[in-house]
Amino acid sequence: MPKTSARLLALLSLLQARRDWPGTLLAERLDISLRTVRRDVDRLRELGYPIAAVKGPDGGYRLSAGTELPPLLFDDEQAVALTVALQVAASGSGDEAAARALHTVRQVMPARLRRRIEAVRVTAVERPATRPAAPVDSDVLLALSAAVHAREVLRFYYDGDNPRRAEPHHVVTWDSRWYLIAWDLDRAGWRTFRADRITVRTPNGPRFVPRELPGGDVATYVIGKFRGSGDGSWPCQGTVLLDLPAATVARYSRDGIVEEAGPGRCRLTAGSWSWPALAAAVARFDADIEVVGPPELTDAFARLAERFRRVAG
């Protein structure tokens, strides 16, 4: 494969920055002729980039979603590994640069790979780290998340040579470490496995019907598992939906549990010493809020709204 020039990379960067580019504007930005722009676009097409021509007075170009991954950048496995790593960085640590890079990669991701990475659903359980992070191979996270998404029994070795079978429920982070929450088929109970100690065996087992987690949801289970009961947990705890990315909220949620709830939206479960204090803590995110429960949290928002109205009036 011929080496791509700096000019081709600059052209590709411009095409990724906005939807449509008039040919004359591209020529001006790159300080080249229209003929050179057309030639460079053809070279990028030959390398696999789906660049469409846009009709108009001056003509133009658009970088479209591709049917094939451009071979210039990564092969399929590299692209999947990169995407998983970027999602880990964006959701686990709230890295905005990683989130932007993830968006750029997904723009040109072919459908067959996009379906694979959509199986990865990261739940960021943020709190101040008290110990060094335990690195996890991105292929392991991909395999765990894919099994969760497909609802297939996971076969794996734990701590090297202990064969296990489990129904995977969720992948979470807590205190800089990754965990798999699953129903252990051999021990007939819920278990939390450290992902860095898992070696996945293939193929997966049969499909299963998910069981209900203790407490009813992953947030309640994680808090109960890692914090325990009677250890000073917040007396008031509620759940809301926020119109913000999970990565953004996770950076400031401390002991809260953040889950993805769709593009640009997340589910936050948090606690405080009173319901108004919890409502005020949620309101600091400056985003549209939908209360999932309990009713006490909805009432607290109403009381604060009336109080703030009097202050503003």
C-alpha atoms as a PDB file:
ATOM      1  CA  MET A   1       0.000   0.000   0.000  1.00  0.00           C
ATOM      2  CA  PRO A   2       1.515   3.397  -0.948  1.00  0.00           C
ATOM      3  CA  LYS A   3       2.319   5.777   1.823  1.00  0.00           C
ATOM      4  CA  THR A   4      -0.238   8.545   2.244  1.00  0.00           C
ATOM      5  CA  SER A   5       1.112  12.089   1.992  1.00  0.00           C
ATOM      6  CA  ALA A   6       0.581  14.797   4.594  1.00  0.00           C
ATOM      7  CA  ARG A   7      -1.725  16.521   2.112  1.00  0.00           C
ATOM      8  CA  LEU A   8      -3.999  13.482   1.880  1.00  0.00           C
ATOM      9  CA  LEU A   9      -4.190  13.284   5.670  1.00  0.00           C
ATOM     10  CA  ALA A  10      -5.022  17.006   5.831  1.00  0.00           C
ATOM     11  CA  LEU A  11      -7.775  16.510   3.242  1.00  0.00           C
ATOM     12  CA  LEU A  12      -9.190  13.553   5.168  1.00  0.00           C
ATOM     13  CA  SER A  13      -9.150  15.578   8.382  1.00  0.00           C
ATOM     14  CA  LEU A  14     -11.140  18.382   6.737  1.00  0.00           C
ATOM     15  CA  LEU A  15     -13.700  15.959   5.334  1.00  0.00           C
ATOM     16  CA  GLN A  16     -14.256  14.518   8.829  1.00  0.00           C
ATOM     17  CA  ALA A  17     -14.699  17.976  10.383  1.00  0.00           C
ATOM     18  CA  ARG A  18     -17.967  18.926   8.643  1.00  0.00           C
ATOM     19  CA  ARG A  19     -20.695  17.365   6.511  1.00  0.00           C
ATOM     20  CA  ASP A  20     -20.195  19.028   3.105  1.00  0.00           C
ATOM     21  CA  TRP A  21     -17.146  20.740   1.621  1.00  0.00           C
ATOM     22  CA  PRO A  22     -17.262  22.793  -1.609  1.00  0.00           C
ATOM     23  CA  GLY A  23     -14.354  21.854  -3.845  1.00  0.00           C
ATOM     24  CA  THR A  24     -13.200  25.462  -4.075  1.00  0.00           C
ATOM     25  CA  LEU A  25     -13.076  25.798  -0.292  1.00  0.00           C
ATOM     26  CA  LEU A  26     -11.049  22.605   0.037  1.00  0.00           C
ATOM     27  CA  ALA A  27      -8.623  23.886  -2.591  1.00  0.00           C
ATOM     28  CA  GLU A  28      -8.315  27.188  -0.698  1.00  0.00           C
ATOM     29  CA  ARG A  29      -7.781  25.567   2.695  1.00  0.00           C
ATOM     30  CA  LEU A  30      -5.146  23.183   1.328  1.00  0.00           C
ATOM     31  CA  ASP A  31      -3.590  25.772  -0.995  1.00  0.00           C
ATOM     32  CA  ILE A  32      -3.888  23.501  -4.019  1.00  0.00           C
ATOM     33  CA  SER A  33      -5.809  23.540  -7.312  1.00  0.00           C
ATOM     34  CA  LEU A  34      -9.266  22.074  -7.900  1.00  0.00           C
ATOM     35  CA  ARG A  35      -7.662  19.510 -10.183  1.00  0.00           C
ATOM     36  CA  THR A  36      -5.379  18.386  -7.341  1.00  0.00           C
ATOM     37  CA  VAL A  37      -8.360  18.176  -4.989  1.00  0.00           C
ATOM     38  CA  ARG A  38     -10.161  15.886  -7.442  1.00  0.00           C
ATOM     39  CA  ARG A  39      -7.067  13.734  -7.842  1.00  0.00           C
ATOM     40  CA  ASP A  40      -6.522  13.469  -4.078  1.00  0.00           C
ATOM     41  CA  VAL A  41     -10.182  12.565  -3.525  1.00  0.00           C
ATOM     42  CA  ASP A  42      -9.836   9.777  -6.093  1.00  0.00           C
ATOM     43  CA  ARG A  43      -6.741   8.483  -4.268  1.00  0.00           C
ATOM     44  CA  LEU A  44      -8.628   8.424  -0.967  1.00  0.00           C
ATOM     45  CA  ARG A  45     -11.463   6.538  -2.644  1.00  0.00           C
ATOM     46  CA  GLU A  46      -8.983   3.983  -3.931  1.00  0.00           C
ATOM     47  CA  LEU A  47      -7.795   3.539  -0.337  1.00  0.00           C
ATOM     48  CA  GLY A  48     -11.365   2.743   0.718  1.00  0.00           C
ATOM     49  CA  TYR A  49     -12.710   6.067   2.011  1.00  0.00           C
ATOM     50  CA  PRO A  50     -16.393   6.529   0.993  1.00  0.00           C
ATOM     51  CA  ILE A  51     -16.250  10.096  -0.370  1.00  0.00           C
ATOM     52  CA  ALA A  52     -19.374  11.152  -2.273  1.00  0.00           C
ATOM     53  CA  ALA A  53     -19.637  14.003  -4.755  1.00  0.00           C
ATOM     54  CA  VAL A  54     -22.124  16.739  -3.772  1.00  0.00           C
ATOM     55  CA  LYS A  55     -24.030  18.621  -6.457  1.00  0.00           C
ATOM     56  CA  GLY A  56     -23.945  22.399  -6.445  1.00  0.00           C
ATOM     57  CA  PRO A  57     -22.654  25.490  -8.262  1.00  0.00           C
ATOM     58  CA  ASP A  58     -19.035  24.671  -7.410  1.00  0.00           C
ATOM     59  CA  GLY A  59     -19.466  20.966  -6.653  1.00  0.00           C
ATOM     60  CA  GLY A  60     -18.210  19.448  -3.442  1.00  0.00           C
ATOM     61  CA  TYR A  61     -17.495  16.349  -1.382  1.00  0.00           C
ATOM     62  CA  ARG A  62     -18.840  14.482   1.625  1.00  0.00           C
ATOM     63  CA  LEU A  63     -17.335  11.679   3.723  1.00  0.00           C
ATOM     64  CA  SER A  64     -20.139   9.116   4.004  1.00  0.00           C
ATOM     65  CA  ALA A  65     -20.640   6.022   6.127  1.00  0.00           C
ATOM     66  CA  GLY A  66     -18.728   3.182   4.517  1.00  0.00           C
ATOM     67  CA  THR A  67     -19.534  -0.353   3.472  1.00  0.00           C
ATOM     68  CA  GLU A  68     -15.882  -1.272   3.896  1.00  0.00           C
ATOM     69  CA  LEU A  69     -13.457  -0.102   6.558  1.00  0.00           C
ATOM     70  CA  PRO A  70     -10.804   2.134   4.925  1.00  0.00           C
ATOM     71  CA  PRO A  71      -7.667  -0.031   4.805  1.00  0.00           C
ATOM     72  CA  LEU A  72      -5.381   2.940   5.297  1.00  0.00           C
ATOM     73  CA  LEU A  73      -6.025   3.109   9.029  1.00  0.00           C
ATOM     74  CA  PHE A  74      -6.812  -0.280  10.600  1.00  0.00           C
ATOM     75  CA  ASP A  75      -7.827  -3.815   9.809  1.00  0.00           C
ATOM     76  CA  ASP A  76     -11.067  -5.151  11.322  1.00  0.00           C
ATOM     77  CA  GLU A  77      -9.585  -6.527  14.534  1.00  0.00           C
ATOM     78  CA  GLN A  78      -7.491  -3.399  15.122  1.00  0.00           C
ATOM     79  CA  ALA A  79     -10.561  -1.218  14.588  1.00  0.00           C
ATOM     80  CA  VAL A  80     -12.614  -3.221  17.097  1.00  0.00           C
ATOM     81  CA  ALA A  81      -9.794  -3.170  19.655  1.00  0.00           C
ATOM     82  CA  LEU A  82      -9.330   0.586  19.188  1.00  0.00           C
ATOM     83  CA  THR A  83     -13.050   1.266  19.548  1.00  0.00           C
ATOM     84  CA  VAL A  84     -13.322  -0.795  22.741  1.00  0.00           C
ATOM     85  CA  ALA A  85     -10.277   0.945  24.204  1.00  0.00           C
ATOM     86  CA  LEU A  86     -11.719   4.372  23.358  1.00  0.00           C
ATOM     87  CA  GLN A  87     -15.078   3.479  24.911  1.00  0.00           C
ATOM     88  CA  VAL A  88     -13.319   2.264  28.048  1.00  0.00           C
ATOM     89  CA  ALA A  89     -11.429   5.562  28.287  1.00  0.00           C
ATOM     90  CA  ALA A  90     -14.485   7.678  27.529  1.00  0.00           C
ATOM     91  CA  SER A  91     -16.883   5.886  29.895  1.00  0.00           C
ATOM     92  CA  GLY A  92     -14.506   4.860  32.642  1.00  0.00           C
ATOM     93  CA  SER A  93     -12.508   8.054  33.121  1.00  0.00           C
ATOM     94  CA  GLY A  94     -14.618  10.628  31.301  1.00  0.00           C
ATOM     95  CA  ASP A  95     -11.865  11.412  28.791  1.00  0.00           C
ATOM     96  CA  GLU A  96     -13.453  13.918  26.373  1.00  0.00           C
ATOM     97  CA  ALA A  97     -10.685  13.480  23.816  1.00  0.00           C
ATOM     98  CA  ALA A  98     -11.359   9.733  23.800  1.00  0.00           C
ATOM     99  CA  ALA A  99     -15.076  10.417  23.316  1.00  0.00           C
ATOM    100  CA  ARG A 100     -14.345  12.629  20.299  1.00  0.00           C
ATOM    101  CA  ALA A 101     -11.983  10.039  18.842  1.00  0.00           C
ATOM    102  CA  LEU A 102     -14.619   7.340  19.365  1.00  0.00           C
ATOM    103  CA  HIS A 103     -17.139   9.426  17.407  1.00  0.00           C
ATOM    104  CA  THR A 104     -14.669   9.907  14.543  1.00  0.00           C
ATOM    105  CA  VAL A 105     -13.923   6.178  14.287  1.00  0.00           C
ATOM    106  CA  ARG A 106     -17.612   5.251  14.386  1.00  0.00           C
ATOM    107  CA  GLN A 107     -18.341   7.647  11.501  1.00  0.00           C
ATOM    108  CA  VAL A 108     -16.610   5.359   9.013  1.00  0.00           C
ATOM    109  CA  MET A 109     -17.177   2.059  10.800  1.00  0.00           C
ATOM    110  CA  PRO A 110     -18.850  -0.491   8.487  1.00  0.00           C
ATOM    111  CA  ALA A 111     -22.086  -2.064   9.675  1.00  0.00           C
ATOM    112  CA  ARG A 112     -20.595  -5.507  10.362  1.00  0.00           C
ATOM    113  CA  LEU A 113     -18.125  -4.009  12.874  1.00  0.00           C
ATOM    114  CA  ARG A 114     -20.567  -1.484  14.285  1.00  0.00           C
ATOM    115  CA  ARG A 115     -22.842  -4.360  15.341  1.00  0.00           C
ATOM    116  CA  ARG A 116     -19.943  -5.948  17.220  1.00  0.00           C
ATOM    117  CA  ILE A 117     -18.963  -2.847  19.145  1.00  0.00           C
ATOM    118  CA  GLU A 118     -22.582  -1.913  19.915  1.00  0.00           C
ATOM    119  CA  ALA A 119     -22.603  -5.015  22.150  1.00  0.00           C
ATOM    120  CA  VAL A 120     -20.209  -3.210  24.500  1.00  0.00           C
ATOM    121  CA  ARG A 121     -22.185  -1.418  27.201  1.00  0.00           C
ATOM    122  CA  VAL A 122     -19.992   0.126  29.869  1.00  0.00           C
ATOM    123  CA  THR A 123     -21.370   0.972  33.289  1.00  0.00           C
ATOM    124  CA  ALA A 124     -19.110   3.489  34.992  1.00  0.00           C
ATOM    125  CA  VAL A 125     -19.226   3.265  38.784  1.00  0.00           C
ATOM    126  CA  GLU A 126     -17.158   6.252  39.759  1.00  0.00           C
ATOM    127  CA  ARG A 127     -15.450   6.855  43.096  1.00  0.00           C
ATOM    128  CA  PRO A 128     -11.999   8.092  44.118  1.00  0.00           C
ATOM    129  CA  ALA A 129      -9.509   5.349  43.279  1.00  0.00           C
ATOM    130  CA  THR A 130      -7.865   3.813  46.337  1.00  0.00           C
ATOM    131  CA  ARG A 131      -5.642   1.312  44.544  1.00  0.00           C
ATOM    132  CA  PRO A 132      -3.778   0.920  41.247  1.00  0.00           C
ATOM    133  CA  ALA A 133      -5.841   0.085  38.167  1.00  0.00           C
ATOM    134  CA  ALA A 134      -5.853  -3.545  37.011  1.00  0.00           C
ATOM    135  CA  PRO A 135      -5.349  -3.564  33.212  1.00  0.00           C
ATOM    136  CA  VAL A 136      -7.770  -5.698  31.195  1.00  0.00           C
ATOM    137  CA  ASP A 137      -7.277  -6.851  27.607  1.00  0.00           C
ATOM    138  CA  SER A 138      -9.806  -5.092  25.365  1.00  0.00           C
ATOM    139  CA  ASP A 139     -10.579  -8.434  23.686  1.00  0.00           C
ATOM    140  CA  VAL A 140     -11.722  -9.790  27.055  1.00  0.00           C
ATOM    141  CA  LEU A 141     -14.035  -6.812  27.626  1.00  0.00           C
ATOM    142  CA  LEU A 142     -15.418  -7.220  24.123  1.00  0.00           C
ATOM    143  CA  ALA A 143     -16.075 -10.935  24.688  1.00  0.00           C
ATOM    144  CA  LEU A 144     -17.747 -10.315  28.061  1.00  0.00           C
ATOM    145  CA  SER A 145     -19.948  -7.527  26.735  1.00  0.00           C
ATOM    146  CA  ALA A 146     -20.878  -9.541  23.646  1.00  0.00           C
ATOM    147  CA  ALA A 147     -21.994 -12.436  25.852  1.00  0.00           C
ATOM    148  CA  VAL A 148     -24.070 -10.054  27.996  1.00  0.00           C
ATOM    149  CA  HIS A 149     -25.654  -8.576  24.878  1.00  0.00           C
ATOM    150  CA  ALA A 150     -26.383 -11.977  23.283  1.00  0.00           C
ATOM    151  CA  ARG A 151     -27.545 -13.533  26.593  1.00  0.00           C
ATOM    152  CA  GLU A 152     -25.270 -16.520  26.093  1.00  0.00           C
ATOM    153  CA  VAL A 153     -23.682 -18.636  28.807  1.00  0.00           C
ATOM    154  CA  LEU A 154     -20.035 -17.644  29.227  1.00  0.00           C
ATOM    155  CA  ARG A 155     -17.359 -20.331  29.549  1.00  0.00           C
ATOM    156  CA  PHE A 156     -14.071 -19.139  31.036  1.00  0.00           C
ATOM    157  CA  TYR A 157     -11.103 -19.871  33.253  1.00  0.00           C
ATOM    158  CA  TYR A 158     -10.829 -17.837  36.439  1.00  0.00           C
ATOM    159  CA  ASP A 159      -7.457 -17.210  38.059  1.00  0.00           C
ATOM    160  CA  GLY A 160      -5.715 -19.326  35.486  1.00  0.00           C
ATOM    161  CA  ASP A 161      -7.046 -22.855  35.749  1.00  0.00           C
ATOM    162  CA  ASN A 162     -10.462 -22.802  37.399  1.00  0.00           C
ATOM    163  CA  PRO A 163     -13.100 -23.605  34.716  1.00  0.00           C
ATOM    164  CA  ARG A 164     -16.358 -21.713  35.244  1.00  0.00           C
ATOM    165  CA  ARG A 165     -19.746 -21.373  33.560  1.00  0.00           C
ATOM    166  CA  ALA A 166     -21.905 -18.329  34.200  1.00  0.00           C
ATOM    167  CA  GLU A 167     -24.832 -16.330  32.871  1.00  0.00           C
ATOM    168  CA  PRO A 168     -23.287 -12.863  32.323  1.00  0.00           C
ATOM    169  CA  HIS A 169     -25.452  -9.958  33.409  1.00  0.00           C
ATOM    170  CA  HIS A 170     -23.385  -6.759  33.329  1.00  0.00           C
ATOM    171  CA  VAL A 171     -19.863  -5.341  33.027  1.00  0.00           C
ATOM    172  CA  VAL A 172     -19.055  -2.576  35.527  1.00  0.00           C
ATOM    173  CA  THR A 173     -16.141  -0.527  36.782  1.00  0.00           C
ATOM    174  CA  TRP A 174     -15.516   0.166  40.450  1.00  0.00           C
ATOM    175  CA  ASP A 175     -12.480   1.684  42.089  1.00  0.00           C
ATOM    176  CA  SER A 176     -10.339   1.425  38.923  1.00  0.00           C
ATOM    177  CA  ARG A 177     -11.138  -2.238  38.315  1.00  0.00           C
ATOM    178  CA  TRP A 178     -13.421  -4.078  35.899  1.00  0.00           C
ATOM    179  CA  TYR A 179     -15.912  -6.702  37.039  1.00  0.00           C
ATOM    180  CA  LEU A 180     -18.353  -9.134  35.470  1.00  0.00           C
ATOM    181  CA  ILE A 181     -21.609  -9.566  37.369  1.00  0.00           C
ATOM    182  CA  ALA A 182     -22.999 -13.028  36.576  1.00  0.00           C
ATOM    183  CA  TRP A 183     -25.023 -15.983  37.850  1.00  0.00           C
ATOM    184  CA  ASP A 184     -22.549 -18.792  38.537  1.00  0.00           C
ATOM    185  CA  LEU A 185     -24.128 -21.962  37.166  1.00  0.00           C
ATOM    186  CA  ASP A 186     -21.795 -24.327  39.035  1.00  0.00           C
ATOM    187  CA  ARG A 187     -22.286 -22.646  42.411  1.00  0.00           C
ATOM    188  CA  ALA A 188     -25.908 -21.584  41.857  1.00  0.00           C
ATOM    189  CA  GLY A 189     -25.474 -17.999  43.021  1.00  0.00           C
ATOM    190  CA  TRP A 190     -24.596 -14.468  42.020  1.00  0.00           C
ATOM    191  CA  ARG A 191     -20.872 -13.774  41.706  1.00  0.00           C
ATOM    192  CA  THR A 192     -18.709 -10.773  40.859  1.00  0.00           C
ATOM    193  CA  PHE A 193     -15.643 -11.760  38.825  1.00  0.00           C
ATOM    194  CA  ARG A 194     -12.620  -9.536  38.267  1.00  0.00           C
ATOM    195  CA  ALA A 195     -12.247  -9.148  34.516  1.00  0.00           C
ATOM    196  CA  ASP A 196      -8.441  -9.073  34.647  1.00  0.00           C
ATOM    197  CA  ARG A 197      -8.522 -12.650  36.032  1.00  0.00           C
ATOM    198  CA  ILE A 198     -10.813 -14.017  33.303  1.00  0.00           C
ATOM    199  CA  THR A 199      -9.623 -16.065  30.310  1.00  0.00           C
ATOM    200  CA  VAL A 200     -12.547 -16.564  27.945  1.00  0.00           C
ATOM    201  CA  ARG A 201     -13.175 -20.016  26.436  1.00  0.00           C
ATOM    202  CA  THR A 202     -14.915 -20.339  23.082  1.00  0.00           C
ATOM    203  CA  PRO A 203     -17.527 -20.927  21.904  1.00  0.00           C
ATOM    204  CA  ASN A 204     -20.129 -19.556  24.299  1.00  0.00           C
ATOM    205  CA  GLY A 205     -22.827 -21.807  25.702  1.00  0.00           C
ATOM    206  CA  PRO A 206     -26.581 -21.724  25.022  1.00  0.00           C
ATOM    207  CA  ARG A 207     -28.804 -18.671  25.338  1.00  0.00           C
ATOM    208  CA  PHE A 208     -30.550 -18.007  28.638  1.00  0.00           C
ATOM    209  CA  VAL A 209     -33.354 -15.922  30.105  1.00  0.00           C
ATOM    210  CA  PRO A 210     -31.800 -13.230  32.371  1.00  0.00           C
ATOM    211  CA  ARG A 211     -32.493 -13.552  36.091  1.00  0.00           C
ATOM    212  CA  GLU A 212     -33.414 -10.590  38.241  1.00  0.00           C
ATOM    213  CA  LEU A 213     -30.478  -9.113  40.107  1.00  0.00           C
ATOM    214  CA  PRO A 214     -30.690  -8.813  43.901  1.00  0.00           C
ATOM    215  CA  GLY A 215     -32.118  -5.383  44.582  1.00  0.00           C
ATOM    216  CA  GLY A 216     -33.729  -5.242  41.150  1.00  0.00           C
ATOM    217  CA  ASP A 217     -31.035  -3.385  39.198  1.00  0.00           C
ATOM    218  CA  VAL A 218     -27.291  -3.235  38.691  1.00  0.00           C
ATOM    219  CA  ALA A 219     -26.881   0.006  40.667  1.00  0.00           C
ATOM    220  CA  THR A 220     -28.447  -1.417  43.837  1.00  0.00           C
ATOM    221  CA  TYR A 221     -26.495  -4.642  43.487  1.00  0.00           C
ATOM    222  CA  VAL A 222     -23.131  -2.907  42.995  1.00  0.00           C
ATOM    223  CA  ILE A 223     -23.642  -0.583  45.944  1.00  0.00           C
ATOM    224  CA  GLY A 224     -24.653  -3.487  48.157  1.00  0.00           C
ATOM    225  CA  LYS A 225     -21.762  -5.636  46.973  1.00  0.00           C
ATOM    226  CA  PHE A 226     -18.925  -3.143  47.262  1.00  0.00           C
ATOM    227  CA  ARG A 227     -20.166  -0.890  50.034  1.00  0.00           C
ATOM    228  CA  GLY A 228     -22.127  -3.434  52.031  1.00  0.00           C
ATOM    229  CA  SER A 229     -25.025  -2.576  54.325  1.00  0.00           C
ATOM    230  CA  GLY A 230     -24.913  -0.651  57.550  1.00  0.00           C
ATOM    231  CA  ASP A 231     -21.682   1.130  56.581  1.00  0.00           C
ATOM    232  CA  GLY A 232     -22.977   4.652  56.440  1.00  0.00           C
ATOM    233  CA  SER A 233     -24.774   4.399  53.087  1.00  0.00           C
ATOM    234  CA  TRP A 234     -26.913   7.409  52.196  1.00  0.00           C
ATOM    235  CA  PRO A 235     -30.394   7.410  53.780  1.00  0.00           C
ATOM    236  CA  CYS A 236     -31.920   8.901  50.608  1.00  0.00           C
ATOM    237  CA  GLN A 237     -31.175   7.278  47.271  1.00  0.00           C
ATOM    238  CA  GLY A 238     -32.831   7.870  43.885  1.00  0.00           C
ATOM    239  CA  THR A 239     -32.446   7.358  40.162  1.00  0.00           C
ATOM    240  CA  VAL A 240     -32.788   9.858  37.327  1.00  0.00           C
ATOM    241  CA  LEU A 241     -32.243  10.024  33.579  1.00  0.00           C
ATOM    242  CA  LEU A 242     -30.011  12.889  32.433  1.00  0.00           C
ATOM    243  CA  ASP A 243     -29.607  14.312  28.931  1.00  0.00           C
ATOM    244  CA  LEU A 244     -25.833  14.093  29.185  1.00  0.00           C
ATOM    245  CA  PRO A 245     -23.300  11.460  28.073  1.00  0.00           C
ATOM    246  CA  ALA A 246     -22.435   8.852  30.693  1.00  0.00           C
ATOM    247  CA  ALA A 247     -18.752   9.773  30.446  1.00  0.00           C
ATOM    248  CA  THR A 248     -19.485  13.396  31.407  1.00  0.00           C
ATOM    249  CA  VAL A 249     -21.640  12.537  34.429  1.00  0.00           C
ATOM    250  CA  ALA A 250     -19.354   9.754  35.654  1.00  0.00           C
ATOM    251  CA  ARG A 251     -16.484  12.184  36.288  1.00  0.00           C
ATOM    252  CA  TYR A 252     -18.493  14.056  38.918  1.00  0.00           C
ATOM    253  CA  SER A 253     -20.802  11.405  40.357  1.00  0.00           C
ATOM    254  CA  ARG A 254     -18.372  10.161  43.054  1.00  0.00           C
ATOM    255  CA  ASP A 255     -20.233   7.264  44.706  1.00  0.00           C
ATOM    256  CA  GLY A 256     -23.014   7.411  42.130  1.00  0.00           C
ATOM    257  CA  ILE A 257     -23.534   4.716  39.525  1.00  0.00           C
ATOM    258  CA  VAL A 258     -23.767   5.793  35.893  1.00  0.00           C
ATOM    259  CA  GLU A 259     -25.139   3.656  33.069  1.00  0.00           C
ATOM    260  CA  GLU A 260     -25.556   4.420  29.372  1.00  0.00           C
ATOM    261  CA  ALA A 261     -29.186   5.065  28.421  1.00  0.00           C
ATOM    262  CA  GLY A 262     -28.795   5.865  24.726  1.00  0.00           C
ATOM    263  CA  PRO A 263     -26.867   8.432  22.678  1.00  0.00           C
ATOM    264  CA  GLY A 264     -26.108  11.483  24.815  1.00  0.00           C
ATOM    265  CA  ARG A 265     -28.193  10.154  27.719  1.00  0.00           C
ATOM    266  CA  CYS A 266     -27.429   8.287  30.934  1.00  0.00           C
ATOM    267  CA  ARG A 267     -29.032   6.822  34.052  1.00  0.00           C
ATOM    268  CA  LEU A 268     -27.670   8.077  37.388  1.00  0.00           C
ATOM    269  CA  THR A 269     -28.300   6.454  40.762  1.00  0.00           C
ATOM    270  CA  ALA A 270     -27.009   8.546  43.654  1.00  0.00           C
ATOM    271  CA  GLY A 271     -27.608   9.253  47.326  1.00  0.00           C
ATOM    272  CA  SER A 272     -27.530  12.078  49.846  1.00  0.00           C
ATOM    273  CA  TRP A 273     -28.459  12.925  53.421  1.00  0.00           C
ATOM    274  CA  SER A 274     -31.879  14.374  52.417  1.00  0.00           C
ATOM    275  CA  TRP A 275     -34.140  14.375  49.364  1.00  0.00           C
ATOM    276  CA  PRO A 276     -33.723  18.130  48.660  1.00  0.00           C
ATOM    277  CA  ALA A 277     -29.946  17.702  48.914  1.00  0.00           C
ATOM    278  CA  LEU A 278     -30.094  14.858  46.392  1.00  0.00           C
ATOM    279  CA  ALA A 279     -32.286  16.893  44.028  1.00  0.00           C
ATOM    280  CA  ALA A 280     -29.897  19.833  44.264  1.00  0.00           C
ATOM    281  CA  ALA A 281     -26.913  17.572  43.595  1.00  0.00           C
ATOM    282  CA  VAL A 282     -28.559  16.229  40.452  1.00  0.00           C
ATOM    283  CA  ALA A 283     -29.583  19.709  39.280  1.00  0.00           C
ATOM    284  CA  ARG A 284     -25.947  20.841  39.234  1.00  0.00           C
ATOM    285  CA  PHE A 285     -25.427  18.896  36.002  1.00  0.00           C
ATOM    286  CA  ASP A 286     -27.446  21.591  34.173  1.00  0.00           C
ATOM    287  CA  ALA A 287     -29.333  19.173  31.920  1.00  0.00           C
ATOM    288  CA  ASP A 288     -32.906  17.992  31.394  1.00  0.00           C
ATOM    289  CA  ILE A 289     -33.875  15.522  34.137  1.00  0.00           C
ATOM    290  CA  GLU A 290     -36.391  12.695  34.269  1.00  0.00           C
ATOM    291  CA  VAL A 291     -36.963  11.145  37.689  1.00  0.00           C
ATOM    292  CA  VAL A 292     -37.168   7.360  37.647  1.00  0.00           C
ATOM    293  CA  GLY A 293     -37.884   7.155  41.357  1.00  0.00           C
ATOM    294  CA  PRO A 294     -38.749   7.232  44.131  1.00  0.00           C
ATOM    295  CA  PRO A 295     -41.659   9.737  44.462  1.00  0.00           C
ATOM    296  CA  GLU A 296     -39.834  11.473  47.337  1.00  0.00           C
ATOM    297  CA  LEU A 297     -37.230  12.688  44.864  1.00  0.00           C
ATOM    298  CA  THR A 298     -39.908  14.100  42.549  1.00  0.00           C
ATOM    299  CA  ASP A 299     -41.464  15.946  45.518  1.00  0.00           C
ATOM    300  CA  ALA A 300     -38.056  17.332  46.453  1.00  0.00           C
ATOM    301  CA  PHE A 301     -37.600  18.778  42.962  1.00  0.00           C
ATOM    302  CA  ALA A 302     -41.025  20.420  43.258  1.00  0.00           C
ATOM    303  CA  ARG A 303     -40.135  21.995  46.633  1.00  0.00           C
ATOM    304  CA  LEU A 304     -36.826  23.291  45.293  1.00  0.00           C
ATOM    305  CA  ALA A 305     -38.515  24.672  42.162  1.00  0.00           C
ATOM    306  CA  GLU A 306     -40.957  26.664  44.298  1.00  0.00           C
ATOM    307  CA  ARG A 307     -38.160  27.880  46.566  1.00  0.00           C
ATOM    308  CA  PHE A 308     -36.036  28.976  43.605  1.00  0.00           C
ATOM    309  CA  ARG A 309     -39.055  30.683  41.996  1.00  0.00           C
ATOM    310  CA  ARG A 310     -39.513  32.851  45.090  1.00  0.00           C
ATOM    311  CA  VAL A 311     -35.809  33.720  45.113  1.00  0.00           C
ATOM    312  CA  ALA A 312     -35.850  34.652  41.427  1.00  0.00           C
ATOM    313  CA  GLY A 313     -39.139  36.580  41.684  1.00  0.00           C
END
